[in-house]
Amino acid sequence: MRGLELFGQEQPRNRLLHNASLAEARLAGEDVEGAAAAAHSAMDLSAHLDSQRARARLRVLHTGFGARDTSVAREVCGRVEDILSA
């Protein structure tokens, strides 16, 4: 989290990628709620970017959350789908 704070409002793509990494790590630790919070932070930044790397990371998140059967996971998947189809 400290690394994200150091970016401030600069480097939105890097912040998105770091939030995606945080979400993946939390998913690996079965912290679906924490992973969802990080994923939503990443997705909030995606509106300002046109980055293939960022889109690829969102697809990875979609796969990870898609493997969980919770309302939080389904919400993240739905939002990722909306972003990727835009």
PDB file of N, CA and C in Angstrom:
ATOM      1  N   MET A   1       0.819  -1.192   0.000  1.00  0.00           N
ATOM      2  CA  MET A   1       0.000   0.000   0.000  1.00  0.00           C
ATOM      3  C   MET A   1       0.861   1.253   0.000  1.00  0.00           C
ATOM      4  N   ARG A   2       1.997   1.201   0.676  1.00  0.00           N
ATOM      5  CA  ARG A   2       2.862   2.383   0.747  1.00  0.00           C
ATOM      6  C   ARG A   2       3.324   2.803  -0.646  1.00  0.00           C
ATOM      7  N   GLY A   3       3.624   1.818  -1.492  1.00  0.00           N
ATOM      8  CA  GLY A   3       4.047   2.123  -2.853  1.00  0.00           C
ATOM      9  C   GLY A   3       2.984   2.902  -3.611  1.00  0.00           C
ATOM     10  N   LEU A   4       1.727   2.533  -3.404  1.00  0.00           N
ATOM     11  CA  LEU A   4       0.632   3.256  -4.061  1.00  0.00           C
ATOM     12  C   LEU A   4       0.543   4.693  -3.565  1.00  0.00           C
ATOM     13  N   GLU A   5       0.764   4.874  -2.291  1.00  0.00           N
ATOM     14  CA  GLU A   5       0.711   6.227  -1.726  1.00  0.00           C
ATOM     15  C   GLU A   5       1.797   7.118  -2.309  1.00  0.00           C
ATOM     16  N   LEU A   6       2.956   6.542  -2.607  1.00  0.00           N
ATOM     17  CA  LEU A   6       4.063   7.332  -3.135  1.00  0.00           C
ATOM     18  C   LEU A   6       3.767   7.897  -4.522  1.00  0.00           C
ATOM     19  N   PHE A   7       2.903   7.218  -5.276  1.00  0.00           N
ATOM     20  CA  PHE A   7       2.542   7.728  -6.597  1.00  0.00           C
ATOM     21  C   PHE A   7       1.702   9.001  -6.506  1.00  0.00           C
ATOM     22  N   GLY A   8       0.978   9.192  -5.411  1.00  0.00           N
ATOM     23  CA  GLY A   8       0.066  10.329  -5.332  1.00  0.00           C
ATOM     24  C   GLY A   8      -0.948  10.218  -6.451  1.00  0.00           C
ATOM     25  N   GLN A   9      -1.173  11.303  -7.138  1.00  0.00           N
ATOM     26  CA  GLN A   9      -2.108  11.306  -8.270  1.00  0.00           C
ATOM     27  C   GLN A   9      -1.388  11.136  -9.605  1.00  0.00           C
ATOM     28  N   GLU A  10      -0.113  10.938  -9.556  1.00  0.00           N
ATOM     29  CA  GLU A  10       0.690  10.762 -10.767  1.00  0.00           C
ATOM     30  C   GLU A  10       0.640   9.308 -11.236  1.00  0.00           C
ATOM     31  N   GLN A  11       0.997   9.078 -12.469  1.00  0.00           N
ATOM     32  CA  GLN A  11       1.169   7.758 -13.054  1.00  0.00           C
ATOM     33  C   GLN A  11      -0.043   6.846 -12.878  1.00  0.00           C
ATOM     34  N   PRO A  12      -1.178   7.225 -13.453  1.00  0.00           N
ATOM     35  CA  PRO A  12      -2.386   6.412 -13.259  1.00  0.00           C
ATOM     36  C   PRO A  12      -2.243   4.971 -13.749  1.00  0.00           C
ATOM     37  N   ARG A  13      -1.497   4.737 -14.826  1.00  0.00           N
ATOM     38  CA  ARG A  13      -1.349   3.355 -15.291  1.00  0.00           C
ATOM     39  C   ARG A  13      -0.587   2.527 -14.263  1.00  0.00           C
ATOM     40  N   ASN A  14       0.484   3.074 -13.733  1.00  0.00           N
ATOM     41  CA  ASN A  14       1.243   2.342 -12.713  1.00  0.00           C
ATOM     42  C   ASN A  14       0.402   2.095 -11.472  1.00  0.00           C
ATOM     43  N   ARG A  15      -0.416   3.071 -11.081  1.00  0.00           N
ATOM     44  CA  ARG A  15      -1.297   2.871  -9.931  1.00  0.00           C
ATOM     45  C   ARG A  15      -2.306   1.765 -10.214  1.00  0.00           C
ATOM     46  N   LEU A  16      -2.853   1.764 -11.434  1.00  0.00           N
ATOM     47  CA  LEU A  16      -3.791   0.711 -11.823  1.00  0.00           C
ATOM     48  C   LEU A  16      -3.106  -0.647 -11.738  1.00  0.00           C
ATOM     49  N   LEU A  17      -1.897  -0.763 -12.287  1.00  0.00           N
ATOM     50  CA  LEU A  17      -1.183  -2.037 -12.287  1.00  0.00           C
ATOM     51  C   LEU A  17      -0.849  -2.487 -10.873  1.00  0.00           C
ATOM     52  N   HIS A  18      -0.466  -1.557 -10.021  1.00  0.00           N
ATOM     53  CA  HIS A  18      -0.167  -1.919  -8.628  1.00  0.00           C
ATOM     54  C   HIS A  18      -1.429  -2.361  -7.894  1.00  0.00           C
ATOM     55  N   ASN A  19      -2.544  -1.674  -8.128  1.00  0.00           N
ATOM     56  CA  ASN A  19      -3.804  -2.095  -7.511  1.00  0.00           C
ATOM     57  C   ASN A  19      -4.218  -3.474  -8.013  1.00  0.00           C
ATOM     58  N   ALA A  20      -4.002  -3.745  -9.290  1.00  0.00           N
ATOM     59  CA  ALA A  20      -4.315  -5.065  -9.840  1.00  0.00           C
ATOM     60  C   ALA A  20      -3.453  -6.130  -9.174  1.00  0.00           C
ATOM     61  N   SER A  21      -2.167  -5.838  -8.979  1.00  0.00           N
ATOM     62  CA  SER A  21      -1.277  -6.788  -8.300  1.00  0.00           C
ATOM     63  C   SER A  21      -1.730  -7.035  -6.868  1.00  0.00           C
ATOM     64  N   LEU A  22      -2.135  -5.972  -6.198  1.00  0.00           N
ATOM     65  CA  LEU A  22      -2.633  -6.097  -4.832  1.00  0.00           C
ATOM     66  C   LEU A  22      -3.894  -6.967  -4.806  1.00  0.00           C
ATOM     67  N   ALA A  23      -4.786  -6.752  -5.760  1.00  0.00           N
ATOM     68  CA  ALA A  23      -6.006  -7.558  -5.839  1.00  0.00           C
ATOM     69  C   ALA A  23      -5.661  -9.028  -6.064  1.00  0.00           C
ATOM     70  N   GLU A  24      -4.719  -9.291  -6.959  1.00  0.00           N
ATOM     71  CA  GLU A  24      -4.320 -10.674  -7.228  1.00  0.00           C
ATOM     72  C   GLU A  24      -3.729 -11.327  -5.974  1.00  0.00           C
ATOM     73  N   ALA A  25      -2.894 -10.597  -5.265  1.00  0.00           N
ATOM     74  CA  ALA A  25      -2.279 -11.137  -4.047  1.00  0.00           C
ATOM     75  C   ALA A  25      -3.338 -11.430  -2.990  1.00  0.00           C
ATOM     76  N   ARG A  26      -4.287 -10.531  -2.850  1.00  0.00           N
ATOM     77  CA  ARG A  26      -5.349 -10.756  -1.861  1.00  0.00           C
ATOM     78  C   ARG A  26      -6.237 -11.929  -2.260  1.00  0.00           C
ATOM     79  N   LEU A  27      -6.493 -12.071  -3.553  1.00  0.00           N
ATOM     80  CA  LEU A  27      -7.264 -13.236  -4.005  1.00  0.00           C
ATOM     81  C   LEU A  27      -6.517 -14.526  -3.693  1.00  0.00           C
ATOM     82  N   ALA A  28      -5.219 -14.520  -3.911  1.00  0.00           N
ATOM     83  CA  ALA A  28      -4.419 -15.711  -3.628  1.00  0.00           C
ATOM     84  C   ALA A  28      -4.492 -16.076  -2.142  1.00  0.00           C
ATOM     85  N   GLY A  29      -4.650 -15.075  -1.299  1.00  0.00           N
ATOM     86  CA  GLY A  29      -4.802 -15.307   0.135  1.00  0.00           C
ATOM     87  C   GLY A  29      -6.242 -15.481   0.566  1.00  0.00           C
ATOM     88  N   GLU A  30      -7.141 -15.630  -0.405  1.00  0.00           N
ATOM     89  CA  GLU A  30      -8.576 -15.833  -0.156  1.00  0.00           C
ATOM     90  C   GLU A  30      -9.249 -14.662   0.554  1.00  0.00           C
ATOM     91  N   ASP A  31      -8.685 -13.469   0.413  1.00  0.00           N
ATOM     92  CA  ASP A  31      -9.303 -12.246   0.945  1.00  0.00           C
ATOM     93  C   ASP A  31     -10.083 -11.600  -0.193  1.00  0.00           C
ATOM     94  N   VAL A  32     -11.251 -12.152  -0.479  1.00  0.00           N
ATOM     95  CA  VAL A  32     -12.041 -11.701  -1.628  1.00  0.00           C
ATOM     96  C   VAL A  32     -12.503 -10.255  -1.439  1.00  0.00           C
ATOM     97  N   GLU A  33     -12.903  -9.897  -0.243  1.00  0.00           N
ATOM     98  CA  GLU A  33     -13.354  -8.518   0.023  1.00  0.00           C
ATOM     99  C   GLU A  33     -12.213  -7.520  -0.212  1.00  0.00           C
ATOM    100  N   GLY A  34     -11.035  -7.807   0.332  1.00  0.00           N
ATOM    101  CA  GLY A  34      -9.884  -6.930   0.142  1.00  0.00           C
ATOM    102  C   GLY A  34      -9.454  -6.881  -1.309  1.00  0.00           C
ATOM    103  N   ALA A  35      -9.518  -8.031  -1.968  1.00  0.00           N
ATOM    104  CA  ALA A  35      -9.177  -8.086  -3.391  1.00  0.00           C
ATOM    105  C   ALA A  35     -10.146  -7.244  -4.207  1.00  0.00           C
ATOM    106  N   ALA A  36     -11.414  -7.309  -3.858  1.00  0.00           N
ATOM    107  CA  ALA A  36     -12.417  -6.524  -4.578  1.00  0.00           C
ATOM    108  C   ALA A  36     -12.170  -5.029  -4.402  1.00  0.00           C
ATOM    109  N   ALA A  37     -11.808  -4.615  -3.210  1.00  0.00           N
ATOM    110  CA  ALA A  37     -11.529  -3.190  -2.978  1.00  0.00           C
ATOM    111  C   ALA A  37     -10.369  -2.724  -3.855  1.00  0.00           C
ATOM    112  N   ALA A  38      -9.312  -3.524  -3.922  1.00  0.00           N
ATOM    113  CA  ALA A  38      -8.165  -3.162  -4.763  1.00  0.00           C
ATOM    114  C   ALA A  38      -8.554  -3.195  -6.246  1.00  0.00           C
ATOM    115  N   ALA A  39      -9.358  -4.169  -6.631  1.00  0.00           N
ATOM    116  CA  ALA A  39      -9.793  -4.262  -8.023  1.00  0.00           C
ATOM    117  C   ALA A  39     -10.636  -3.059  -8.414  1.00  0.00           C
ATOM    118  N   HIS A  40     -11.514  -2.632  -7.530  1.00  0.00           N
ATOM    119  CA  HIS A  40     -12.332  -1.450  -7.829  1.00  0.00           C
ATOM    120  C   HIS A  40     -11.457  -0.208  -7.953  1.00  0.00           C
ATOM    121  N   SER A  41     -10.430  -0.108  -7.132  1.00  0.00           N
ATOM    122  CA  SER A  41      -9.497   1.024  -7.257  1.00  0.00           C
ATOM    123  C   SER A  41      -8.809   0.993  -8.615  1.00  0.00           C
ATOM    124  N   ALA A  42      -8.413  -0.185  -9.054  1.00  0.00           N
ATOM    125  CA  ALA A  42      -7.791  -0.322 -10.379  1.00  0.00           C
ATOM    126  C   ALA A  42      -8.776   0.076 -11.472  1.00  0.00           C
ATOM    127  N   MET A  43      -9.994  -0.405 -11.355  1.00  0.00           N
ATOM    128  CA  MET A  43     -10.993  -0.105 -12.385  1.00  0.00           C
ATOM    129  C   MET A  43     -11.364   1.368 -12.416  1.00  0.00           C
ATOM    130  N   ASP A  44     -11.348   2.028 -11.265  1.00  0.00           N
ATOM    131  CA  ASP A  44     -11.616   3.470 -11.235  1.00  0.00           C
ATOM    132  C   ASP A  44     -10.614   4.216 -12.101  1.00  0.00           C
ATOM    133  N   LEU A  45      -9.391   3.740 -12.126  1.00  0.00           N
ATOM    134  CA  LEU A  45      -8.339   4.384 -12.911  1.00  0.00           C
ATOM    135  C   LEU A  45      -8.426   4.037 -14.389  1.00  0.00           C
ATOM    136  N   SER A  46      -9.069   2.942 -14.726  1.00  0.00           N
ATOM    137  CA  SER A  46      -9.088   2.484 -16.114  1.00  0.00           C
ATOM    138  C   SER A  46      -9.853   3.430 -17.037  1.00  0.00           C
ATOM    139  N   ALA A  47     -10.748   4.215 -16.496  1.00  0.00           N
ATOM    140  CA  ALA A  47     -11.526   5.136 -17.321  1.00  0.00           C
ATOM    141  C   ALA A  47     -10.649   6.197 -17.969  1.00  0.00           C
ATOM    142  N   HIS A  48      -9.497   6.440 -17.400  1.00  0.00           N
ATOM    143  CA  HIS A  48      -8.611   7.493 -17.890  1.00  0.00           C
ATOM    144  C   HIS A  48      -7.490   6.956 -18.767  1.00  0.00           C
ATOM    145  N   LEU A  49      -7.527   5.661 -19.067  1.00  0.00           N
ATOM    146  CA  LEU A  49      -6.407   5.045 -19.770  1.00  0.00           C
ATOM    147  C   LEU A  49      -6.861   4.275 -20.994  1.00  0.00           C
ATOM    148  N   ASP A  50      -5.981   4.225 -21.966  1.00  0.00           N
ATOM    149  CA  ASP A  50      -6.171   3.339 -23.107  1.00  0.00           C
ATOM    150  C   ASP A  50      -4.891   2.526 -23.229  1.00  0.00           C
ATOM    151  N   SER A  51      -4.761   1.546 -22.345  1.00  0.00           N
ATOM    152  CA  SER A  51      -3.537   0.763 -22.233  1.00  0.00           C
ATOM    153  C   SER A  51      -3.852  -0.711 -22.399  1.00  0.00           C
ATOM    154  N   GLN A  52      -3.202  -1.351 -23.362  1.00  0.00           N
ATOM    155  CA  GLN A  52      -3.406  -2.786 -23.561  1.00  0.00           C
ATOM    156  C   GLN A  52      -2.906  -3.580 -22.353  1.00  0.00           C
ATOM    157  N   ARG A  53      -1.842  -3.110 -21.748  1.00  0.00           N
ATOM    158  CA  ARG A  53      -1.313  -3.799 -20.562  1.00  0.00           C
ATOM    159  C   ARG A  53      -2.323  -3.747 -19.408  1.00  0.00           C
ATOM    160  N   ALA A  54      -2.939  -2.592 -19.228  1.00  0.00           N
ATOM    161  CA  ALA A  54      -3.946  -2.451 -18.178  1.00  0.00           C
ATOM    162  C   ALA A  54      -5.149  -3.338 -18.469  1.00  0.00           C
ATOM    163  N   ARG A  55      -5.577  -3.382 -19.727  1.00  0.00           N
ATOM    164  CA  ARG A  55      -6.714  -4.221 -20.099  1.00  0.00           C
ATOM    165  C   ARG A  55      -6.393  -5.701 -19.869  1.00  0.00           C
ATOM    166  N   ALA A  56      -5.154  -6.081 -20.149  1.00  0.00           N
ATOM    167  CA  ALA A  56      -4.742  -7.474 -19.923  1.00  0.00           C
ATOM    168  C   ALA A  56      -4.813  -7.821 -18.436  1.00  0.00           C
ATOM    169  N   ARG A  57      -4.398  -6.905 -17.595  1.00  0.00           N
ATOM    170  CA  ARG A  57      -4.445  -7.142 -16.147  1.00  0.00           C
ATOM    171  C   ARG A  57      -5.881  -7.248 -15.664  1.00  0.00           C
ATOM    172  N   LEU A  58      -6.785  -6.447 -16.250  1.00  0.00           N
ATOM    173  CA  LEU A  58      -8.195  -6.549 -15.877  1.00  0.00           C
ATOM    174  C   LEU A  58      -8.761  -7.910 -16.282  1.00  0.00           C
ATOM    175  N   ARG A  59      -8.306  -8.435 -17.417  1.00  0.00           N
ATOM    176  CA  ARG A  59      -8.757  -9.774 -17.821  1.00  0.00           C
ATOM    177  C   ARG A  59      -8.277 -10.833 -16.823  1.00  0.00           C
ATOM    178  N   VAL A  60      -7.058 -10.674 -16.320  1.00  0.00           N
ATOM    179  CA  VAL A  60      -6.537 -11.602 -15.309  1.00  0.00           C
ATOM    180  C   VAL A  60      -7.405 -11.533 -14.052  1.00  0.00           C
ATOM    181  N   LEU A  61      -7.758 -10.306 -13.653  1.00  0.00           N
ATOM    182  CA  LEU A  61      -8.629 -10.164 -12.482  1.00  0.00           C
ATOM    183  C   LEU A  61      -9.978 -10.837 -12.724  1.00  0.00           C
ATOM    184  N   HIS A  62     -10.515 -10.661 -13.918  1.00  0.00           N
ATOM    185  CA  HIS A  62     -11.797 -11.272 -14.249  1.00  0.00           C
ATOM    186  C   HIS A  62     -11.716 -12.788 -14.075  1.00  0.00           C
ATOM    187  N   THR A  63     -10.642 -13.378 -14.537  1.00  0.00           N
ATOM    188  CA  THR A  63     -10.459 -14.819 -14.396  1.00  0.00           C
ATOM    189  C   THR A  63     -10.381 -15.219 -12.919  1.00  0.00           C
ATOM    190  N   GLY A  64      -9.619 -14.473 -12.153  1.00  0.00           N
ATOM    191  CA  GLY A  64      -9.468 -14.790 -10.727  1.00  0.00           C
ATOM    192  C   GLY A  64     -10.765 -14.665  -9.955  1.00  0.00           C
ATOM    193  N   PHE A  65     -11.483 -13.585 -10.203  1.00  0.00           N
ATOM    194  CA  PHE A  65     -12.757 -13.401  -9.500  1.00  0.00           C
ATOM    195  C   PHE A  65     -13.816 -14.359 -10.030  1.00  0.00           C
ATOM    196  N   GLY A  66     -13.713 -14.711 -11.303  1.00  0.00           N
ATOM    197  CA  GLY A  66     -14.667 -15.640 -11.899  1.00  0.00           C
ATOM    198  C   GLY A  66     -14.611 -17.023 -11.275  1.00  0.00           C
ATOM    199  N   ALA A  67     -13.496 -17.339 -10.638  1.00  0.00           N
ATOM    200  CA  ALA A  67     -13.340 -18.640  -9.986  1.00  0.00           C
ATOM    201  C   ALA A  67     -13.960 -18.666  -8.593  1.00  0.00           C
ATOM    202  N   ARG A  68     -14.489 -17.528  -8.165  1.00  0.00           N
ATOM    203  CA  ARG A  68     -15.125 -17.455  -6.836  1.00  0.00           C
ATOM    204  C   ARG A  68     -16.628 -17.233  -7.001  1.00  0.00           C
ATOM    205  N   ASP A  69     -17.404 -17.908  -6.192  1.00  0.00           N
ATOM    206  CA  ASP A  69     -18.865 -17.807  -6.291  1.00  0.00           C
ATOM    207  C   ASP A  69     -19.404 -16.978  -5.133  1.00  0.00           C
ATOM    208  N   THR A  70     -19.119 -15.675  -5.199  1.00  0.00           N
ATOM    209  CA  THR A  70     -19.652 -14.746  -4.191  1.00  0.00           C
ATOM    210  C   THR A  70     -20.233 -13.551  -4.922  1.00  0.00           C
ATOM    211  N   SER A  71     -21.105 -12.839  -4.242  1.00  0.00           N
ATOM    212  CA  SER A  71     -21.699 -11.655  -4.869  1.00  0.00           C
ATOM    213  C   SER A  71     -20.641 -10.594  -5.151  1.00  0.00           C
ATOM    214  N   VAL A  72     -19.665 -10.475  -4.268  1.00  0.00           N
ATOM    215  CA  VAL A  72     -18.590  -9.494  -4.461  1.00  0.00           C
ATOM    216  C   VAL A  72     -17.789  -9.841  -5.713  1.00  0.00           C
ATOM    217  N   ALA A  73     -17.473 -11.105  -5.879  1.00  0.00           N
ATOM    218  CA  ALA A  73     -16.715 -11.549  -7.050  1.00  0.00           C
ATOM    219  C   ALA A  73     -17.516 -11.321  -8.326  1.00  0.00           C
ATOM    220  N   ARG A  74     -18.809 -11.633  -8.289  1.00  0.00           N
ATOM    221  CA  ARG A  74     -19.650 -11.419  -9.471  1.00  0.00           C
ATOM    222  C   ARG A  74     -19.744  -9.938  -9.816  1.00  0.00           C
ATOM    223  N   GLU A  75     -19.787  -9.083  -8.801  1.00  0.00           N
ATOM    224  CA  GLU A  75     -19.831  -7.637  -9.041  1.00  0.00           C
ATOM    225  C   GLU A  75     -18.559  -7.168  -9.741  1.00  0.00           C
ATOM    226  N   VAL A  76     -17.422  -7.635  -9.275  1.00  0.00           N
ATOM    227  CA  VAL A  76     -16.152  -7.268  -9.917  1.00  0.00           C
ATOM    228  C   VAL A  76     -16.139  -7.756 -11.362  1.00  0.00           C
ATOM    229  N   CYS A  77     -16.535  -9.000 -11.580  1.00  0.00           N
ATOM    230  CA  CYS A  77     -16.556  -9.540 -12.943  1.00  0.00           C
ATOM    231  C   CYS A  77     -17.448  -8.718 -13.859  1.00  0.00           C
ATOM    232  N   GLY A  78     -18.604  -8.348 -13.373  1.00  0.00           N
ATOM    233  CA  GLY A  78     -19.515  -7.534 -14.178  1.00  0.00           C
ATOM    234  C   GLY A  78     -18.920  -6.191 -14.538  1.00  0.00           C
ATOM    235  N   ARG A  79     -18.274  -5.575 -13.580  1.00  0.00           N
ATOM    236  CA  ARG A  79     -17.662  -4.270 -13.851  1.00  0.00           C
ATOM    237  C   ARG A  79     -16.498  -4.398 -14.837  1.00  0.00           C
ATOM    238  N   VAL A  80     -15.691  -5.441 -14.674  1.00  0.00           N
ATOM    239  CA  VAL A  80     -14.586  -5.663 -15.628  1.00  0.00           C
ATOM    240  C   VAL A  80     -15.155  -5.873 -17.028  1.00  0.00           C
ATOM    241  N   GLU A  81     -16.203  -6.658 -17.149  1.00  0.00           N
ATOM    242  CA  GLU A  81     -16.816  -6.899 -18.455  1.00  0.00           C
ATOM    243  C   GLU A  81     -17.295  -5.596 -19.077  1.00  0.00           C
ATOM    244  N   ASP A  82     -17.918  -4.735 -18.277  1.00  0.00           N
ATOM    245  CA  ASP A  82     -18.383  -3.446 -18.791  1.00  0.00           C
ATOM    246  C   ASP A  82     -17.221  -2.599 -19.306  1.00  0.00           C
ATOM    247  N   ILE A  83     -16.133  -2.577 -18.548  1.00  0.00           N
ATOM    248  CA  ILE A  83     -14.971  -1.786 -18.936  1.00  0.00           C
ATOM    249  C   ILE A  83     -14.349  -2.335 -20.222  1.00  0.00           C
ATOM    250  N   LEU A  84     -14.191  -3.644 -20.286  1.00  0.00           N
ATOM    251  CA  LEU A  84     -13.539  -4.239 -21.452  1.00  0.00           C
ATOM    252  C   LEU A  84     -14.389  -4.173 -22.705  1.00  0.00           C
ATOM    253  N   SER A  85     -15.686  -4.078 -22.550  1.00  0.00           N
ATOM    254  CA  SER A  85     -16.563  -4.014 -23.737  1.00  0.00           C
ATOM    255  C   SER A  85     -16.766  -2.580 -24.221  1.00  0.00           C
ATOM    256  N   ALA A  86     -16.307  -1.620 -23.444  1.00  0.00           N
ATOM    257  CA  ALA A  86     -16.486  -0.203 -23.825  1.00  0.00           C
ATOM    258  C   ALA A  86     -15.495   0.214 -24.896  1.00  0.00           C
TER     259      ALA A  86
END
